[in-house]
């Protein structure tokens, strides 16, 4: 069964909670040569990092992916305690100042309002509750990964139409090059005769054998049959890759380079202005194809 093409660009989020804790997961992905997973996990969730990385790697093959998991507790299991060390430092400072400054001693609520004197300590979750919370987070992570792939495939679907359009343009330009009048046998022979004549005039002492060698070399340089055949084959391969789908971005990128190589050779062999123009149009279209291919997983 074929898979649709997926972009490397996408976004997804998921939320949930358990045992007085709520969490939020956010994922963003952009283009990258390989798979780069970056995570920012809330304090206390470090133990989940290997499993989060594994699950993300099982679903994604390319892209720079940022995964953020935040955690918030409702405070039901917390208690307020006095930081004795901080309180002692404040009281010592008041005693020192009492003999130097004429002022009323601060009220208790003022002292307790000072930063660090009162602390909120959260009661740790039981082992069973922590395991259930982790399970809920990982289940939400799987949902988030599924949504991220839906987002990436949606963008991939749009890119598929663009890629097919560029490939059709390359095919049409290749056909124009193949049918160009400068490629007719008569036109090639006339140019070849003129070039041989120019060589003879420039070097009248050349032997017939050397002239034949020059003629063969000129004929080879003027023949773009091989380049056209390769372009046609590359068009077929590109269509097949898009039809098969899946993570084919690297293969399409390589194929784009091969397209460009043939277009460059076609331009260098061209001996007609119109054919050169077709070659330049080919190069421009291939550049557009490759630019879009960079987004494919």
C-alpha atoms as a PDB file:
ATOM      1  CA  UNK A   1       0.000   0.000   0.000  1.00  0.00           C
ATOM      2  CA  UNK A   2       1.416   3.369  -1.029  1.00  0.00           C
ATOM      3  CA  UNK A   3       1.878   6.188   1.467  1.00  0.00           C
ATOM      4  CA  UNK A   4       1.261   9.868   0.777  1.00  0.00           C
ATOM      5  CA  UNK A   5       4.212  12.220   0.698  1.00  0.00           C
ATOM      6  CA  UNK A   6       4.805  14.094   3.935  1.00  0.00           C
ATOM      7  CA  UNK A   7       6.322  17.511   4.452  1.00  0.00           C
ATOM      8  CA  UNK A   8       8.847  18.070   7.223  1.00  0.00           C
ATOM      9  CA  UNK A   9       6.846  21.095   8.394  1.00  0.00           C
ATOM     10  CA  UNK A  10       4.055  20.540  10.922  1.00  0.00           C
ATOM     11  CA  UNK A  11       2.552  21.395  14.304  1.00  0.00           C
ATOM     12  CA  UNK A  12       0.496  19.536  16.907  1.00  0.00           C
ATOM     13  CA  UNK A  13      -0.465  19.741  20.575  1.00  0.00           C
ATOM     14  CA  UNK A  14      -2.199  17.613  23.195  1.00  0.00           C
ATOM     15  CA  UNK A  15      -3.201  17.996  26.837  1.00  0.00           C
ATOM     16  CA  UNK A  16      -4.288  15.792  29.714  1.00  0.00           C
ATOM     17  CA  UNK A  17      -3.998  15.190  33.425  1.00  0.00           C
ATOM     18  CA  UNK A  18      -3.988  12.714  36.294  1.00  0.00           C
ATOM     19  CA  UNK A  19      -3.769  12.799  40.118  1.00  0.00           C
ATOM     20  CA  UNK A  20      -4.020  16.558  40.431  1.00  0.00           C
ATOM     21  CA  UNK A  21      -1.476  17.208  37.667  1.00  0.00           C
ATOM     22  CA  UNK A  22      -2.205  18.684  34.253  1.00  0.00           C
ATOM     23  CA  UNK A  23       0.208  18.560  31.341  1.00  0.00           C
ATOM     24  CA  UNK A  24       0.490  20.069  27.873  1.00  0.00           C
ATOM     25  CA  UNK A  25       2.491  18.695  24.930  1.00  0.00           C
ATOM     26  CA  UNK A  26       3.515  20.816  21.961  1.00  0.00           C
ATOM     27  CA  UNK A  27       5.381  19.657  18.847  1.00  0.00           C
ATOM     28  CA  UNK A  28       6.849  21.665  15.997  1.00  0.00           C
ATOM     29  CA  UNK A  29       8.859  20.355  13.044  1.00  0.00           C
ATOM     30  CA  UNK A  30      10.766  22.067  10.238  1.00  0.00           C
ATOM     31  CA  UNK A  31      13.162  21.028   7.476  1.00  0.00           C
ATOM     32  CA  UNK A  32      16.439  19.240   8.264  1.00  0.00           C
ATOM     33  CA  UNK A  33      18.851  16.928   6.464  1.00  0.00           C
ATOM     34  CA  UNK A  34      18.205  14.151   8.993  1.00  0.00           C
ATOM     35  CA  UNK A  35      16.124  13.606  12.132  1.00  0.00           C
ATOM     36  CA  UNK A  36      16.970  16.002  14.969  1.00  0.00           C
ATOM     37  CA  UNK A  37      14.733  15.659  18.060  1.00  0.00           C
ATOM     38  CA  UNK A  38      15.023  18.366  20.698  1.00  0.00           C
ATOM     39  CA  UNK A  39      13.101  18.081  23.962  1.00  0.00           C
ATOM     40  CA  UNK A  40      12.176  20.381  26.812  1.00  0.00           C
ATOM     41  CA  UNK A  41      10.580  18.406  29.629  1.00  0.00           C
ATOM     42  CA  UNK A  42       9.145  19.736  32.862  1.00  0.00           C
ATOM     43  CA  UNK A  43      11.021  19.080  36.085  1.00  0.00           C
ATOM     44  CA  UNK A  44      10.386  15.539  37.267  1.00  0.00           C
ATOM     45  CA  UNK A  45       9.804  14.118  33.789  1.00  0.00           C
ATOM     46  CA  UNK A  46      13.438  13.478  32.877  1.00  0.00           C
ATOM     47  CA  UNK A  47      12.902   9.726  33.164  1.00  0.00           C
ATOM     48  CA  UNK A  48      10.526   9.898  30.186  1.00  0.00           C
ATOM     49  CA  UNK A  49      13.115  11.329  27.779  1.00  0.00           C
ATOM     50  CA  UNK A  50      14.398   7.996  26.333  1.00  0.00           C
ATOM     51  CA  UNK A  51      10.846   6.744  25.695  1.00  0.00           C
ATOM     52  CA  UNK A  52       9.722  10.077  24.210  1.00  0.00           C
ATOM     53  CA  UNK A  53      12.725  10.056  21.870  1.00  0.00           C
ATOM     54  CA  UNK A  54      12.097   6.433  20.862  1.00  0.00           C
ATOM     55  CA  UNK A  55       8.412   6.958  20.089  1.00  0.00           C
ATOM     56  CA  UNK A  56       9.150  10.070  18.056  1.00  0.00           C
ATOM     57  CA  UNK A  57      11.890   8.219  16.147  1.00  0.00           C
ATOM     58  CA  UNK A  58       9.519   5.346  15.375  1.00  0.00           C
ATOM     59  CA  UNK A  59       7.105   7.740  13.631  1.00  0.00           C
ATOM     60  CA  UNK A  60       9.392  10.366  12.069  1.00  0.00           C
ATOM     61  CA  UNK A  61      12.313   9.867   9.686  1.00  0.00           C
ATOM     62  CA  UNK A  62      13.435  13.441   8.903  1.00  0.00           C
ATOM     63  CA  UNK A  63      13.033  16.951  10.234  1.00  0.00           C
ATOM     64  CA  UNK A  64      14.116  19.151  13.113  1.00  0.00           C
ATOM     65  CA  UNK A  65      11.484  18.372  15.769  1.00  0.00           C
ATOM     66  CA  UNK A  66      10.930  20.306  18.992  1.00  0.00           C
ATOM     67  CA  UNK A  67       8.936  18.562  21.742  1.00  0.00           C
ATOM     68  CA  UNK A  68       7.845  20.486  24.828  1.00  0.00           C
ATOM     69  CA  UNK A  69       6.033  18.920  27.797  1.00  0.00           C
ATOM     70  CA  UNK A  70       4.917  21.253  30.597  1.00  0.00           C
ATOM     71  CA  UNK A  71       3.447  20.081  33.915  1.00  0.00           C
ATOM     72  CA  UNK A  72       1.298  21.923  36.453  1.00  0.00           C
ATOM     73  CA  UNK A  73       0.048  20.678  39.816  1.00  0.00           C
ATOM     74  CA  UNK A  74      -3.231  21.933  41.305  1.00  0.00           C
ATOM     75  CA  UNK A  75      -1.679  22.436  44.771  1.00  0.00           C
ATOM     76  CA  UNK A  76      -4.087  20.136  46.622  1.00  0.00           C
ATOM     77  CA  UNK A  77      -1.221  18.031  47.912  1.00  0.00           C
ATOM     78  CA  UNK A  78       1.049  20.909  48.890  1.00  0.00           C
ATOM     79  CA  UNK A  79       1.864  22.479  52.267  1.00  0.00           C
ATOM     80  CA  UNK A  80       3.257  25.839  53.372  1.00  0.00           C
ATOM     81  CA  UNK A  81       6.365  25.673  55.573  1.00  0.00           C
ATOM     82  CA  UNK A  82       8.623  28.284  57.156  1.00  0.00           C
ATOM     83  CA  UNK A  83      12.173  28.428  55.924  1.00  0.00           C
ATOM     84  CA  UNK A  84      13.857  28.629  59.313  1.00  0.00           C
ATOM     85  CA  UNK A  85      17.200  29.706  57.900  1.00  0.00           C
ATOM     86  CA  UNK A  86      15.671  32.590  55.936  1.00  0.00           C
ATOM     87  CA  UNK A  87      13.527  33.649  58.897  1.00  0.00           C
ATOM     88  CA  UNK A  88      16.558  33.602  61.237  1.00  0.00           C
ATOM     89  CA  UNK A  89      18.516  35.822  58.828  1.00  0.00           C
ATOM     90  CA  UNK A  90      15.643  38.330  58.710  1.00  0.00           C
ATOM     91  CA  UNK A  91      15.284  38.448  62.509  1.00  0.00           C
ATOM     92  CA  UNK A  92      19.046  38.883  62.978  1.00  0.00           C
ATOM     93  CA  UNK A  93      19.001  41.774  60.539  1.00  0.00           C
ATOM     94  CA  UNK A  94      16.102  43.386  62.465  1.00  0.00           C
ATOM     95  CA  UNK A  95      18.051  43.134  65.730  1.00  0.00           C
ATOM     96  CA  UNK A  96      21.053  44.840  64.145  1.00  0.00           C
ATOM     97  CA  UNK A  97      18.951  47.638  62.687  1.00  0.00           C
ATOM     98  CA  UNK A  98      16.928  48.137  65.906  1.00  0.00           C
ATOM     99  CA  UNK A  99      19.903  49.796  67.624  1.00  0.00           C
ATOM    100  CA  UNK A 100      20.690  52.046  64.687  1.00  0.00           C
ATOM    101  CA  UNK A 101      17.379  53.164  63.263  1.00  0.00           C
ATOM    102  CA  UNK A 102      14.390  54.527  65.121  1.00  0.00           C
ATOM    103  CA  UNK A 103      11.436  52.674  63.639  1.00  0.00           C
ATOM    104  CA  UNK A 104       8.651  50.348  64.707  1.00  0.00           C
ATOM    105  CA  UNK A 105       9.421  46.672  64.423  1.00  0.00           C
ATOM    106  CA  UNK A 106       7.695  45.078  61.420  1.00  0.00           C
ATOM    107  CA  UNK A 107       4.479  43.131  61.892  1.00  0.00           C
ATOM    108  CA  UNK A 108       4.465  39.340  61.554  1.00  0.00           C
ATOM    109  CA  UNK A 109       2.605  39.423  58.250  1.00  0.00           C
ATOM    110  CA  UNK A 110       5.250  41.778  56.858  1.00  0.00           C
ATOM    111  CA  UNK A 111       8.042  39.404  57.863  1.00  0.00           C
ATOM    112  CA  UNK A 112       6.271  36.376  56.447  1.00  0.00           C
ATOM    113  CA  UNK A 113       5.664  38.257  53.185  1.00  0.00           C
ATOM    114  CA  UNK A 114       9.401  38.580  52.583  1.00  0.00           C
ATOM    115  CA  UNK A 115      10.633  36.386  49.732  1.00  0.00           C
ATOM    116  CA  UNK A 116      11.955  33.035  50.866  1.00  0.00           C
ATOM    117  CA  UNK A 117      10.533  33.056  54.388  1.00  0.00           C
ATOM    118  CA  UNK A 118       7.505  30.979  53.424  1.00  0.00           C
ATOM    119  CA  UNK A 119       7.854  28.094  51.003  1.00  0.00           C
ATOM    120  CA  UNK A 120       5.280  25.894  49.317  1.00  0.00           C
ATOM    121  CA  UNK A 121       6.354  22.270  49.270  1.00  0.00           C
ATOM    122  CA  UNK A 122       4.497  19.857  47.091  1.00  0.00           C
ATOM    123  CA  UNK A 123       3.905  16.394  48.399  1.00  0.00           C
ATOM    124  CA  UNK A 124       5.479  13.848  46.046  1.00  0.00           C
ATOM    125  CA  UNK A 125       3.209  11.518  44.108  1.00  0.00           C
ATOM    126  CA  UNK A 126       3.110   7.922  45.118  1.00  0.00           C
ATOM    127  CA  UNK A 127       4.912   5.471  42.860  1.00  0.00           C
ATOM    128  CA  UNK A 128       1.583   4.199  41.508  1.00  0.00           C
ATOM    129  CA  UNK A 129       0.277   7.727  40.838  1.00  0.00           C
ATOM    130  CA  UNK A 130       3.523   8.757  39.133  1.00  0.00           C
ATOM    131  CA  UNK A 131       3.415   5.674  36.876  1.00  0.00           C
ATOM    132  CA  UNK A 132      -0.184   6.444  35.898  1.00  0.00           C
ATOM    133  CA  UNK A 133       0.724  10.087  35.154  1.00  0.00           C
ATOM    134  CA  UNK A 134       3.612   8.953  32.953  1.00  0.00           C
ATOM    135  CA  UNK A 135       1.293   6.555  31.131  1.00  0.00           C
ATOM    136  CA  UNK A 136      -1.179   9.370  30.468  1.00  0.00           C
ATOM    137  CA  UNK A 137       1.617  11.598  29.165  1.00  0.00           C
ATOM    138  CA  UNK A 138       2.937   8.914  26.799  1.00  0.00           C
ATOM    139  CA  UNK A 139      -0.579   8.159  25.520  1.00  0.00           C
ATOM    140  CA  UNK A 140      -1.042  11.878  24.814  1.00  0.00           C
ATOM    141  CA  UNK A 141       2.384  11.925  23.166  1.00  0.00           C
ATOM    142  CA  UNK A 142       1.256   9.208  20.737  1.00  0.00           C
ATOM    143  CA  UNK A 143      -1.873  11.220  19.887  1.00  0.00           C
ATOM    144  CA  UNK A 144       0.249  14.306  19.375  1.00  0.00           C
ATOM    145  CA  UNK A 145       2.612  12.418  17.060  1.00  0.00           C
ATOM    146  CA  UNK A 146      -0.374  11.173  15.052  1.00  0.00           C
ATOM    147  CA  UNK A 147      -1.679  14.725  14.723  1.00  0.00           C
ATOM    148  CA  UNK A 148       1.778  15.959  13.737  1.00  0.00           C
ATOM    149  CA  UNK A 149       1.887  13.401  10.923  1.00  0.00           C
ATOM    150  CA  UNK A 150      -1.595  14.471   9.784  1.00  0.00           C
ATOM    151  CA  UNK A 151      -0.297  18.046   9.658  1.00  0.00           C
ATOM    152  CA  UNK A 152       2.847  17.042   7.754  1.00  0.00           C
ATOM    153  CA  UNK A 153       0.916  14.895   5.292  1.00  0.00           C
ATOM    154  CA  UNK A 154      -1.576  17.679   4.672  1.00  0.00           C
ATOM    155  CA  UNK A 155       1.302  19.947   3.696  1.00  0.00           C
ATOM    156  CA  UNK A 156       2.824  17.042   1.758  1.00  0.00           C
ATOM    157  CA  UNK A 157      -0.376  16.684  -0.242  1.00  0.00           C
ATOM    158  CA  UNK A 158      -0.112  20.327  -1.289  1.00  0.00           C
ATOM    159  CA  UNK A 159       3.546  19.865  -2.214  1.00  0.00           C
ATOM    160  CA  UNK A 160       2.697  16.762  -4.264  1.00  0.00           C
ATOM    161  CA  UNK A 161       0.588  18.851  -6.641  1.00  0.00           C
ATOM    162  CA  UNK A 162       3.427  21.369  -6.973  1.00  0.00           C
ATOM    163  CA  UNK A 163       6.015  18.638  -7.660  1.00  0.00           C
ATOM    164  CA  UNK A 164       3.842  16.966 -10.287  1.00  0.00           C
ATOM    165  CA  UNK A 165       3.390  20.338 -11.985  1.00  0.00           C
ATOM    166  CA  UNK A 166       7.169  20.921 -12.125  1.00  0.00           C
ATOM    167  CA  UNK A 167       7.790  17.411 -13.462  1.00  0.00           C
ATOM    168  CA  UNK A 168       5.189  17.921 -16.192  1.00  0.00           C
ATOM    169  CA  UNK A 169       6.948  21.153 -17.180  1.00  0.00           C
ATOM    170  CA  UNK A 170      10.300  19.335 -17.334  1.00  0.00           C
ATOM    171  CA  UNK A 171       8.737  16.641 -19.504  1.00  0.00           C
ATOM    172  CA  UNK A 172       7.207  19.226 -21.865  1.00  0.00           C
ATOM    173  CA  UNK A 173      10.520  21.094 -22.216  1.00  0.00           C
ATOM    174  CA  UNK A 174      12.358  17.819 -22.854  1.00  0.00           C
ATOM    175  CA  UNK A 175       9.911  17.039 -25.650  1.00  0.00           C
ATOM    176  CA  UNK A 176      10.483  20.511 -27.101  1.00  0.00           C
ATOM    177  CA  UNK A 177      14.235  19.897 -27.091  1.00  0.00           C
ATOM    178  CA  UNK A 178      13.775  16.494 -28.695  1.00  0.00           C
ATOM    179  CA  UNK A 179      11.589  17.919 -31.485  1.00  0.00           C
ATOM    180  CA  UNK A 180      13.687  21.038 -32.094  1.00  0.00           C
ATOM    181  CA  UNK A 181      14.575  21.549 -35.828  1.00  0.00           C
ATOM    182  CA  UNK A 182      18.272  21.902 -34.984  1.00  0.00           C
ATOM    183  CA  UNK A 183      18.279  18.181 -34.129  1.00  0.00           C
ATOM    184  CA  UNK A 184      17.199  17.071 -37.606  1.00  0.00           C
ATOM    185  CA  UNK A 185      19.713  15.006 -39.568  1.00  0.00           C
ATOM    186  CA  UNK A 186      19.841  17.629 -42.313  1.00  0.00           C
ATOM    187  CA  UNK A 187      20.551  20.465 -39.888  1.00  0.00           C
ATOM    188  CA  UNK A 188      23.217  18.471 -38.082  1.00  0.00           C
ATOM    189  CA  UNK A 189      24.945  17.509 -41.355  1.00  0.00           C
ATOM    190  CA  UNK A 190      24.949  21.113 -42.592  1.00  0.00           C
ATOM    191  CA  UNK A 191      26.478  22.366 -39.351  1.00  0.00           C
ATOM    192  CA  UNK A 192      29.008  19.546 -39.402  1.00  0.00           C
ATOM    193  CA  UNK A 193      30.078  20.345 -42.968  1.00  0.00           C
ATOM    194  CA  UNK A 194      30.480  24.006 -42.083  1.00  0.00           C
ATOM    195  CA  UNK A 195      32.520  23.197 -38.994  1.00  0.00           C
ATOM    196  CA  UNK A 196      34.781  20.795 -40.947  1.00  0.00           C
ATOM    197  CA  UNK A 197      35.209  23.462 -43.597  1.00  0.00           C
ATOM    198  CA  UNK A 198      36.186  25.996 -40.947  1.00  0.00           C
ATOM    199  CA  UNK A 199      38.737  23.544 -39.502  1.00  0.00           C
ATOM    200  CA  UNK A 200      40.203  22.860 -42.959  1.00  0.00           C
ATOM    201  CA  UNK A 201      40.523  26.557 -43.701  1.00  0.00           C
ATOM    202  CA  UNK A 202      42.187  27.199 -40.362  1.00  0.00           C
ATOM    203  CA  UNK A 203      44.538  24.204 -40.658  1.00  0.00           C
ATOM    204  CA  UNK A 204      44.978  23.302 -44.338  1.00  0.00           C
ATOM    205  CA  UNK A 205      47.665  20.745 -43.527  1.00  0.00           C
ATOM    206  CA  UNK A 206      45.351  18.369 -41.588  1.00  0.00           C
ATOM    207  CA  UNK A 207      45.206  14.809 -42.911  1.00  0.00           C
ATOM    208  CA  UNK A 208      41.967  13.156 -43.947  1.00  0.00           C
ATOM    209  CA  UNK A 209      42.224  10.838 -40.949  1.00  0.00           C
ATOM    210  CA  UNK A 210      42.514  13.815 -38.592  1.00  0.00           C
ATOM    211  CA  UNK A 211      39.546  15.499 -40.276  1.00  0.00           C
ATOM    212  CA  UNK A 212      37.497  12.331 -39.798  1.00  0.00           C
ATOM    213  CA  UNK A 213      38.426  12.317 -36.126  1.00  0.00           C
ATOM    214  CA  UNK A 214      37.390  15.952 -35.799  1.00  0.00           C
ATOM    215  CA  UNK A 215      34.138  15.179 -37.607  1.00  0.00           C
ATOM    216  CA  UNK A 216      33.339  12.346 -35.193  1.00  0.00           C
ATOM    217  CA  UNK A 217      34.151  14.566 -32.217  1.00  0.00           C
ATOM    218  CA  UNK A 218      31.926  17.365 -33.493  1.00  0.00           C
ATOM    219  CA  UNK A 219      29.096  14.946 -34.204  1.00  0.00           C
ATOM    220  CA  UNK A 220      29.350  13.544 -30.674  1.00  0.00           C
ATOM    221  CA  UNK A 221      29.295  17.004 -29.135  1.00  0.00           C
ATOM    222  CA  UNK A 222      26.246  17.997 -31.188  1.00  0.00           C
ATOM    223  CA  UNK A 223      24.217  14.889 -30.281  1.00  0.00           C
ATOM    224  CA  UNK A 224      21.927  15.418 -27.253  1.00  0.00           C
ATOM    225  CA  UNK A 225      20.075  12.111 -27.670  1.00  0.00           C
ATOM    226  CA  UNK A 226      21.685  10.668 -24.565  1.00  0.00           C
ATOM    227  CA  UNK A 227      20.752  13.699 -22.437  1.00  0.00           C
ATOM    228  CA  UNK A 228      17.153  13.602 -23.659  1.00  0.00           C
ATOM    229  CA  UNK A 229      16.888   9.865 -22.941  1.00  0.00           C
ATOM    230  CA  UNK A 230      18.185  10.425 -19.420  1.00  0.00           C
ATOM    231  CA  UNK A 231      15.788  13.314 -18.814  1.00  0.00           C
ATOM    232  CA  UNK A 232      12.880  11.124 -19.950  1.00  0.00           C
ATOM    233  CA  UNK A 233      14.069   8.319 -17.629  1.00  0.00           C
ATOM    234  CA  UNK A 234      14.394  10.763 -14.710  1.00  0.00           C
ATOM    235  CA  UNK A 235      10.853  12.033 -15.296  1.00  0.00           C
ATOM    236  CA  UNK A 236       9.598   8.455 -15.112  1.00  0.00           C
ATOM    237  CA  UNK A 237      11.586   7.776 -11.917  1.00  0.00           C
ATOM    238  CA  UNK A 238      10.325  10.965 -10.262  1.00  0.00           C
ATOM    239  CA  UNK A 239       6.716  10.068 -11.008  1.00  0.00           C
ATOM    240  CA  UNK A 240       7.261   6.581  -9.620  1.00  0.00           C
ATOM    241  CA  UNK A 241       8.758   7.926  -6.390  1.00  0.00           C
ATOM    242  CA  UNK A 242       5.844  10.316  -5.882  1.00  0.00           C
ATOM    243  CA  UNK A 243       3.341   7.552  -6.624  1.00  0.00           C
ATOM    244  CA  UNK A 244       4.994   5.158  -4.162  1.00  0.00           C
ATOM    245  CA  UNK A 245       5.129   7.912  -1.528  1.00  0.00           C
ATOM    246  CA  UNK A 246       6.684   7.544   1.897  1.00  0.00           C
ATOM    247  CA  UNK A 247       9.962   9.173   2.985  1.00  0.00           C
ATOM    248  CA  UNK A 248      11.453   9.744  -0.497  1.00  0.00           C
ATOM    249  CA  UNK A 249      12.760  13.289  -0.021  1.00  0.00           C
ATOM    250  CA  UNK A 250      16.437  12.304  -0.256  1.00  0.00           C
ATOM    251  CA  UNK A 251      15.850  10.282  -3.437  1.00  0.00           C
ATOM    252  CA  UNK A 252      13.930  13.132  -5.050  1.00  0.00           C
ATOM    253  CA  UNK A 253      16.715  15.525  -4.097  1.00  0.00           C
ATOM    254  CA  UNK A 254      19.303  13.264  -5.741  1.00  0.00           C
ATOM    255  CA  UNK A 255      17.094  12.980  -8.823  1.00  0.00           C
ATOM    256  CA  UNK A 256      16.851  16.785  -8.980  1.00  0.00           C
ATOM    257  CA  UNK A 257      20.642  16.945  -9.114  1.00  0.00           C
ATOM    258  CA  UNK A 258      20.647  14.448 -11.970  1.00  0.00           C
ATOM    259  CA  UNK A 259      18.026  16.505 -13.818  1.00  0.00           C
ATOM    260  CA  UNK A 260      20.261  19.552 -13.452  1.00  0.00           C
ATOM    261  CA  UNK A 261      23.323  17.688 -14.694  1.00  0.00           C
ATOM    262  CA  UNK A 262      21.569  16.705 -17.937  1.00  0.00           C
ATOM    263  CA  UNK A 263      20.163  20.208 -18.448  1.00  0.00           C
ATOM    264  CA  UNK A 264      23.661  21.679 -18.075  1.00  0.00           C
ATOM    265  CA  UNK A 265      25.073  19.255 -20.639  1.00  0.00           C
ATOM    266  CA  UNK A 266      22.215  19.973 -23.035  1.00  0.00           C
ATOM    267  CA  UNK A 267      22.965  23.714 -22.825  1.00  0.00           C
ATOM    268  CA  UNK A 268      26.674  23.148 -23.394  1.00  0.00           C
ATOM    269  CA  UNK A 269      26.005  21.009 -26.503  1.00  0.00           C
ATOM    270  CA  UNK A 270      23.366  23.287 -27.953  1.00  0.00           C
ATOM    271  CA  UNK A 271      24.277  25.074 -31.185  1.00  0.00           C
ATOM    272  CA  UNK A 272      20.949  26.849 -31.653  1.00  0.00           C
ATOM    273  CA  UNK A 273      19.678  29.850 -29.719  1.00  0.00           C
ATOM    274  CA  UNK A 274      16.186  28.385 -29.341  1.00  0.00           C
ATOM    275  CA  UNK A 275      17.550  25.093 -28.027  1.00  0.00           C
ATOM    276  CA  UNK A 276      19.730  26.937 -25.516  1.00  0.00           C
ATOM    277  CA  UNK A 277      16.641  28.845 -24.386  1.00  0.00           C
ATOM    278  CA  UNK A 278      14.842  25.541 -23.809  1.00  0.00           C
ATOM    279  CA  UNK A 279      17.826  24.317 -21.780  1.00  0.00           C
ATOM    280  CA  UNK A 280      17.761  27.444 -19.623  1.00  0.00           C
ATOM    281  CA  UNK A 281      14.016  27.042 -19.032  1.00  0.00           C
ATOM    282  CA  UNK A 282      14.733  23.457 -18.030  1.00  0.00           C
ATOM    283  CA  UNK A 283      17.333  24.600 -15.497  1.00  0.00           C
ATOM    284  CA  UNK A 284      14.938  27.167 -14.003  1.00  0.00           C
ATOM    285  CA  UNK A 285      12.154  24.598 -13.660  1.00  0.00           C
ATOM    286  CA  UNK A 286      14.528  22.047 -12.143  1.00  0.00           C
ATOM    287  CA  UNK A 287      15.652  24.644  -9.567  1.00  0.00           C
ATOM    288  CA  UNK A 288      11.990  25.186  -8.641  1.00  0.00           C
ATOM    289  CA  UNK A 289      11.538  21.417  -8.314  1.00  0.00           C
ATOM    290  CA  UNK A 290      14.556  21.048  -6.077  1.00  0.00           C
ATOM    291  CA  UNK A 291      13.461  23.950  -3.879  1.00  0.00           C
ATOM    292  CA  UNK A 292      10.170  22.182  -3.156  1.00  0.00           C
ATOM    293  CA  UNK A 293      11.835  18.792  -2.738  1.00  0.00           C
ATOM    294  CA  UNK A 294      13.791  20.217   0.223  1.00  0.00           C
ATOM    295  CA  UNK A 295      10.499  20.223   2.170  1.00  0.00           C
ATOM    296  CA  UNK A 296       9.731  16.537   1.592  1.00  0.00           C
ATOM    297  CA  UNK A 297      10.404  13.991   4.343  1.00  0.00           C
END
